[in-house]
Amino acid sequence: MTIAAGSFVHESSYVDEGAQVGEGTRIWHFSHVMSGAVVGRRCNIGQNVVISPGVTVGDNVKIQNNVSVYTGVVLEDDVFCGPSMVFTNVVNPRSHVSRKDEYRSTLVGRGATLGANCTIVCGHTIGRYAFVGAGAVVIGDVPDYALVVGNPSRLAGWMCQCGIKLAAGKTPPAEARCAACGASYRRGADGGLAPADSTIGTSQGVER
């Protein structure tokens, strides 16, 4: 295993041989980072978290208590995983049928928030800075900067990088400015929302 200088692993937790933990990352009580998992820098891994083989966790990711990150999941930088939210990696599990060769991948884009107790059905992409509401069940791709809520989840609005709601509705606004941080957005050619300023979505202005 490789645990970088400046990291902290609580004595009740395990980091297996073959796992990598980046500088400044903190791993709290009763958690397990399995062989082949890569955890980036300055992450905070809460209590009772499992990070499975082959999982990649970017920098400055916060994984709250009671989250299992299964093989096939990739978390990009600055992702927030709320308490007890759920990932999956098989769509039709049976205890008596081995489907390890049928795992479906899940990509969570940079800066996305996955609210407490939400469920992400595998095989989908959560867009950059998207916001999945607490308790939502995601059964499809989520666009960049989109807010989704409910079971099954539905597109309910659009979010700023800083986490403030920009607009309600399925259609993104032609133009929007965040009342909190002043960031500007516009409707993209693909029908989604995109930053009007190329610096939005970079590390500038992101709390570390």
Protein backbone atom coordinates (compact mmCIF):
# COMPACT_ATOMS: atom_id res chain seq x y z
CA MET A 1 0.00 0.00 0.00
CA THR A 2 1.04 3.62 -0.50
CA ILE A 3 -0.07 6.16 2.10
CA ALA A 4 1.34 9.61 1.36
CA ALA A 5 2.90 11.81 3.99
CA GLY A 6 0.47 14.03 5.83
CA SER A 7 -2.42 11.56 5.61
CA PHE A 8 -4.32 10.14 8.56
CA VAL A 9 -5.81 6.67 8.91
CA HIS A 10 -7.72 5.91 12.11
CA GLU A 11 -6.46 2.86 13.98
CA SER A 12 -9.83 1.12 13.50
CA SER A 13 -9.62 1.37 9.70
CA TYR A 14 -7.82 -0.76 7.12
CA VAL A 15 -5.89 0.21 4.01
CA ASP A 16 -4.99 -2.96 2.12
CA GLU A 17 -1.73 -3.68 0.35
CA GLY A 18 -1.97 -2.39 -3.21
CA ALA A 19 -4.16 0.58 -2.30
CA GLN A 20 -3.04 4.20 -2.72
CA VAL A 21 -3.97 7.12 -0.46
CA GLY A 22 -2.96 10.67 -1.41
CA GLU A 23 -1.35 13.40 0.65
CA GLY A 24 -3.51 15.08 3.27
CA THR A 25 -6.36 12.55 3.06
CA ARG A 26 -8.12 11.59 6.28
CA ILE A 27 -9.77 8.20 6.80
CA TRP A 28 -11.96 7.91 9.88
CA HIS A 29 -13.37 5.08 12.01
CA PHE A 30 -14.16 1.56 10.77
CA SER A 31 -13.47 2.24 7.08
CA HIS A 32 -11.79 -0.03 4.53
CA VAL A 33 -9.82 0.93 1.43
CA MET A 34 -9.30 -2.25 -0.57
CA SER A 35 -6.40 -3.33 -2.77
CA GLY A 36 -6.34 -1.60 -6.14
CA ALA A 37 -8.32 1.44 -4.98
CA VAL A 38 -6.80 4.88 -5.59
CA VAL A 39 -7.79 7.75 -3.30
CA GLY A 40 -6.54 11.24 -4.17
CA ARG A 41 -5.24 14.14 -2.11
CA ARG A 42 -7.06 16.07 0.61
CA CYS A 43 -10.02 13.70 0.71
CA ASN A 44 -12.17 13.12 3.78
CA ILE A 45 -13.40 9.55 4.16
CA GLY A 46 -16.02 9.27 6.91
CA GLN A 47 -16.97 6.49 9.28
CA ASN A 48 -17.94 3.04 7.96
CA VAL A 49 -16.93 3.70 4.34
CA VAL A 50 -15.82 0.94 1.95
CA ILE A 51 -13.82 1.75 -1.18
CA SER A 52 -13.64 -1.33 -3.39
CA PRO A 53 -10.90 -2.62 -5.72
CA GLY A 54 -10.46 -0.60 -8.92
CA VAL A 55 -12.29 2.47 -7.63
CA THR A 56 -10.72 5.85 -8.42
CA VAL A 57 -11.38 8.77 -6.08
CA GLY A 58 -10.10 12.19 -7.18
CA ASP A 59 -8.71 15.05 -5.09
CA ASN A 60 -10.72 16.91 -2.42
CA VAL A 61 -13.53 14.35 -2.43
CA LYS A 62 -15.74 14.11 0.67
CA ILE A 63 -17.39 10.75 1.35
CA GLN A 64 -19.68 10.93 4.37
CA ASN A 65 -20.56 8.12 6.78
CA ASN A 66 -21.96 4.74 5.67
CA VAL A 67 -21.14 4.91 1.95
CA SER A 68 -19.86 1.94 -0.08
CA VAL A 69 -18.07 2.87 -3.30
CA TYR A 70 -18.17 -0.25 -5.45
CA THR A 71 -15.91 -1.46 -8.25
CA GLY A 72 -16.77 0.42 -11.44
CA VAL A 73 -17.30 3.80 -9.78
CA VAL A 74 -15.09 6.79 -10.61
CA LEU A 75 -15.36 9.97 -8.54
CA GLU A 76 -13.68 13.00 -10.10
CA ASP A 77 -12.23 15.90 -8.09
CA ASP A 78 -14.39 17.82 -5.58
CA VAL A 79 -17.26 15.30 -5.49
CA PHE A 80 -19.45 15.21 -2.36
CA CYS A 81 -21.11 11.94 -1.36
CA GLY A 82 -23.75 12.52 1.33
CA PRO A 83 -24.41 10.25 4.31
CA SER A 84 -25.70 6.76 3.50
CA MET A 85 -26.03 7.40 -0.25
CA VAL A 86 -25.84 4.27 -2.38
CA PHE A 87 -23.89 3.17 -5.45
CA THR A 88 -24.60 -0.04 -7.36
CA ASN A 89 -22.65 -1.92 -10.01
CA VAL A 90 -25.04 -4.68 -11.16
CA VAL A 91 -28.55 -4.04 -12.49
CA ASN A 92 -29.99 -7.52 -11.84
CA PRO A 93 -28.21 -9.02 -8.82
CA ARG A 94 -28.92 -12.53 -7.59
CA SER A 95 -27.12 -14.08 -4.65
CA HIS A 96 -26.74 -17.42 -6.47
CA VAL A 97 -25.56 -15.93 -9.82
CA SER A 98 -22.06 -14.48 -10.17
CA ARG A 99 -22.13 -11.34 -12.32
CA LYS A 100 -18.68 -9.89 -11.63
CA ASP A 101 -18.03 -9.82 -15.37
CA GLU A 102 -21.17 -7.71 -15.88
CA TYR A 103 -20.32 -4.72 -13.68
CA ARG A 104 -21.50 -1.41 -15.14
CA SER A 105 -19.47 1.72 -14.58
CA THR A 106 -20.63 4.95 -12.96
CA LEU A 107 -18.84 8.25 -13.53
CA VAL A 108 -19.46 11.13 -11.14
CA GLY A 109 -18.17 14.37 -12.70
CA ARG A 110 -16.13 17.02 -11.03
CA GLY A 111 -17.83 18.99 -8.26
CA ALA A 112 -21.06 16.97 -8.26
CA THR A 113 -23.09 16.57 -5.07
CA LEU A 114 -24.88 13.33 -4.24
CA GLY A 115 -27.37 14.05 -1.46
CA ALA A 116 -27.98 11.99 1.67
CA ASN A 117 -29.68 8.63 1.06
CA CYS A 118 -29.82 9.01 -2.72
CA THR A 119 -29.27 5.94 -4.91
CA ILE A 120 -27.28 5.94 -8.16
CA VAL A 121 -28.27 3.01 -10.38
CA CYS A 122 -25.13 1.87 -12.18
CA GLY A 123 -24.21 2.49 -15.80
CA HIS A 124 -24.77 6.24 -15.83
CA THR A 125 -22.87 9.53 -15.73
CA ILE A 126 -23.51 12.28 -13.20
CA GLY A 127 -22.46 15.55 -14.85
CA ARG A 128 -20.02 18.14 -13.59
CA TYR A 129 -21.40 20.19 -10.70
CA ALA A 130 -24.72 18.37 -10.90
CA PHE A 131 -26.79 18.16 -7.72
CA VAL A 132 -28.70 15.00 -6.78
CA GLY A 133 -31.26 15.75 -4.08
CA ALA A 134 -31.53 13.79 -0.85
CA GLY A 135 -33.34 10.48 -1.32
CA ALA A 136 -33.43 10.69 -5.13
CA VAL A 137 -33.13 7.50 -7.20
CA VAL A 138 -31.10 8.17 -10.34
CA ILE A 139 -31.88 5.84 -13.26
CA GLY A 140 -30.27 7.81 -16.12
CA ASP A 141 -27.55 10.28 -16.99
CA VAL A 142 -27.64 13.66 -15.24
CA PRO A 143 -26.49 16.73 -17.24
CA ASP A 144 -23.80 19.14 -16.06
CA TYR A 145 -25.12 21.67 -13.50
CA ALA A 146 -28.52 19.93 -13.34
CA LEU A 147 -30.62 19.49 -10.20
CA VAL A 148 -32.49 16.18 -10.00
CA VAL A 149 -34.92 15.09 -7.27
CA GLY A 150 -37.45 12.35 -6.57
CA ASN A 151 -37.96 8.64 -7.24
CA PRO A 152 -37.38 8.07 -10.06
CA SER A 153 -35.35 11.24 -10.33
CA ARG A 154 -36.56 14.09 -12.53
CA LEU A 155 -34.80 17.20 -13.73
CA ALA A 156 -36.03 20.04 -11.53
CA GLY A 157 -33.59 22.91 -12.10
CA TRP A 158 -30.05 24.14 -12.63
CA MET A 159 -27.27 24.79 -10.12
CA CYS A 160 -24.25 27.05 -9.86
CA GLN A 161 -20.83 25.59 -9.21
CA CYS A 162 -21.07 27.05 -5.70
CA GLY A 163 -24.26 25.06 -4.94
CA ILE A 164 -26.87 27.82 -5.28
CA LYS A 165 -29.94 27.20 -7.47
CA LEU A 166 -29.90 29.28 -10.66
CA ALA A 167 -33.28 28.39 -12.18
CA ALA A 168 -36.15 25.93 -11.97
CA GLY A 169 -37.50 23.74 -14.75
CA LYS A 170 -36.23 21.22 -17.27
CA THR A 171 -35.01 23.80 -19.79
CA PRO A 172 -31.85 25.68 -18.80
CA PRO A 173 -32.04 29.48 -18.88
CA ALA A 174 -30.62 31.25 -21.92
CA GLU A 175 -28.46 33.21 -19.50
CA ALA A 176 -28.10 33.14 -15.72
CA ARG A 177 -25.96 34.78 -13.05
CA CYS A 178 -25.52 33.36 -9.57
CA ALA A 179 -26.84 35.70 -6.87
CA ALA A 180 -24.28 34.35 -4.40
CA CYS A 181 -20.94 34.18 -6.25
CA GLY A 182 -21.65 36.15 -9.46
CA ALA A 183 -20.72 33.33 -11.84
CA SER A 184 -22.39 33.55 -15.26
CA TYR A 185 -23.88 30.72 -17.33
CA ARG A 186 -25.54 30.30 -20.69
CA ARG A 187 -27.47 27.64 -22.55
CA GLY A 188 -25.07 25.51 -24.56
CA ALA A 189 -25.39 24.26 -28.11
CA ASP A 190 -26.25 20.80 -26.73
CA GLY A 191 -29.25 22.22 -24.87
CA GLY A 192 -27.57 22.00 -21.48
CA LEU A 193 -26.05 24.65 -19.23
CA ALA A 194 -22.46 25.82 -19.61
CA PRO A 195 -20.26 28.43 -17.95
CA ALA A 196 -20.14 31.77 -19.74
CA ASP A 197 -16.66 32.31 -18.27
CA SER A 198 -14.04 29.69 -19.05
CA THR A 199 -12.62 29.96 -15.51
CA ILE A 200 -15.81 28.56 -13.99
CA GLY A 201 -15.34 24.90 -13.20
CA THR A 202 -11.61 25.25 -12.59
CA SER A 203 -10.04 25.16 -9.16
CA GLN A 204 -10.52 28.92 -8.82
CA GLY A 205 -13.02 29.75 -6.14
CA VAL A 206 -13.35 26.15 -4.97
CA GLU A 207 -12.85 25.70 -1.25
CA ARG A 208 -10.00 23.39 -0.44
